[in-house]
Amino acid sequence: MSKKKIVVAVTGASGAIYAQLLLQKLQQLSAQIAEVAVVMSDNAKQVWQFEMDNTDYDKLPYKIYAKNDFMAPFA
């Protein structure tokens, strides 16, 4: 079975805890996944800070792309 590449898009909607949990679970599955990329809108970062009272998305081992990064590998 080949390893998959995954892109996770996080919008500014409420529910930052779900994005955090998903990204943590993907980190635990890193032996089975080739790559994870994250797209976060500016609003998503604000909502994360408000709901989670932190900016821990910066500490995850994934490249975070801006919503308008048309040079991202998956774009």
Protein backbone atom coordinates (compact mmCIF):
# COMPACT_ATOMS: atom_id res chain seq x y z
CA MET A 1 0.00 0.00 0.00
CA SER A 2 1.44 3.38 -0.98
CA LYS A 3 1.56 6.26 1.45
CA LYS A 4 -0.91 9.06 0.78
CA LYS A 5 -0.45 12.81 0.64
CA ILE A 6 -3.12 14.69 2.58
CA VAL A 7 -4.21 18.33 2.44
CA VAL A 8 -6.23 19.71 5.34
CA ALA A 9 -8.08 23.00 4.82
CA VAL A 10 -9.10 24.94 7.91
CA THR A 11 -11.62 27.76 7.48
CA GLY A 12 -12.66 30.46 9.90
CA ALA A 13 -15.71 28.56 11.07
CA SER A 14 -16.09 27.68 14.72
CA GLY A 15 -14.65 24.33 15.78
CA ALA A 16 -10.89 24.79 15.96
CA ILE A 17 -10.74 21.87 18.40
CA TYR A 18 -11.73 19.51 15.58
CA ALA A 19 -8.93 20.79 13.34
CA GLN A 20 -6.47 20.39 16.20
CA LEU A 21 -7.61 16.84 16.95
CA LEU A 22 -7.44 15.83 13.28
CA LEU A 23 -3.93 17.24 12.87
CA GLN A 24 -2.77 15.50 16.05
CA LYS A 25 -4.21 12.16 14.87
CA LEU A 26 -2.52 12.56 11.49
CA GLN A 27 0.74 13.17 13.33
CA GLN A 28 0.26 9.84 15.15
CA LEU A 29 -0.25 8.14 11.78
CA SER A 30 2.88 9.66 10.24
CA ALA A 31 4.38 6.24 9.47
CA GLN A 32 1.42 5.58 7.14
CA ILE A 33 1.25 9.04 5.51
CA ALA A 34 3.74 10.46 3.01
CA GLU A 35 2.94 14.12 3.62
CA VAL A 36 0.41 16.41 5.26
CA ALA A 37 -0.07 20.00 4.14
CA VAL A 38 -2.35 22.50 5.88
CA VAL A 39 -4.17 25.46 4.35
CA MET A 40 -5.41 27.96 6.92
CA SER A 41 -7.29 31.16 6.24
CA ASP A 42 -6.47 34.23 8.29
CA ASN A 43 -9.88 33.86 9.95
CA ALA A 44 -9.06 30.25 10.85
CA LYS A 45 -5.97 31.42 12.72
CA GLN A 46 -8.00 34.06 14.56
CA VAL A 47 -10.72 31.57 15.49
CA TRP A 48 -8.07 29.08 16.67
CA GLN A 49 -6.51 31.74 18.89
CA PHE A 50 -9.90 32.76 20.29
CA GLU A 51 -11.28 29.26 20.88
CA MET A 52 -8.07 27.52 21.92
CA ASP A 53 -6.31 30.47 23.56
CA ASN A 54 -3.06 29.57 21.78
CA THR A 55 -1.30 29.51 18.42
CA ASP A 56 -0.22 25.88 18.60
CA TYR A 57 -0.96 25.40 14.90
CA ASP A 58 2.50 26.91 14.40
CA LYS A 59 4.03 24.07 16.42
CA LEU A 60 2.66 21.24 14.28
CA PRO A 61 5.20 19.50 12.03
CA TYR A 62 3.35 20.46 8.85
CA LYS A 63 3.86 23.17 6.29
CA ILE A 64 1.05 25.71 6.58
CA TYR A 65 0.04 27.42 3.35
CA ALA A 66 -1.94 30.63 2.98
CA LYS A 67 -5.31 30.37 1.29
CA ASN A 68 -4.02 32.35 -1.70
CA ASP A 69 -0.74 30.44 -2.18
CA PHE A 70 -1.16 29.34 -5.76
CA MET A 71 2.40 27.98 -5.78
CA ALA A 72 1.57 25.35 -3.16
CA PRO A 73 2.39 21.88 -4.55
CA PHE A 74 -1.23 20.75 -4.46
CA ALA A 75 -2.67 23.90 -6.11
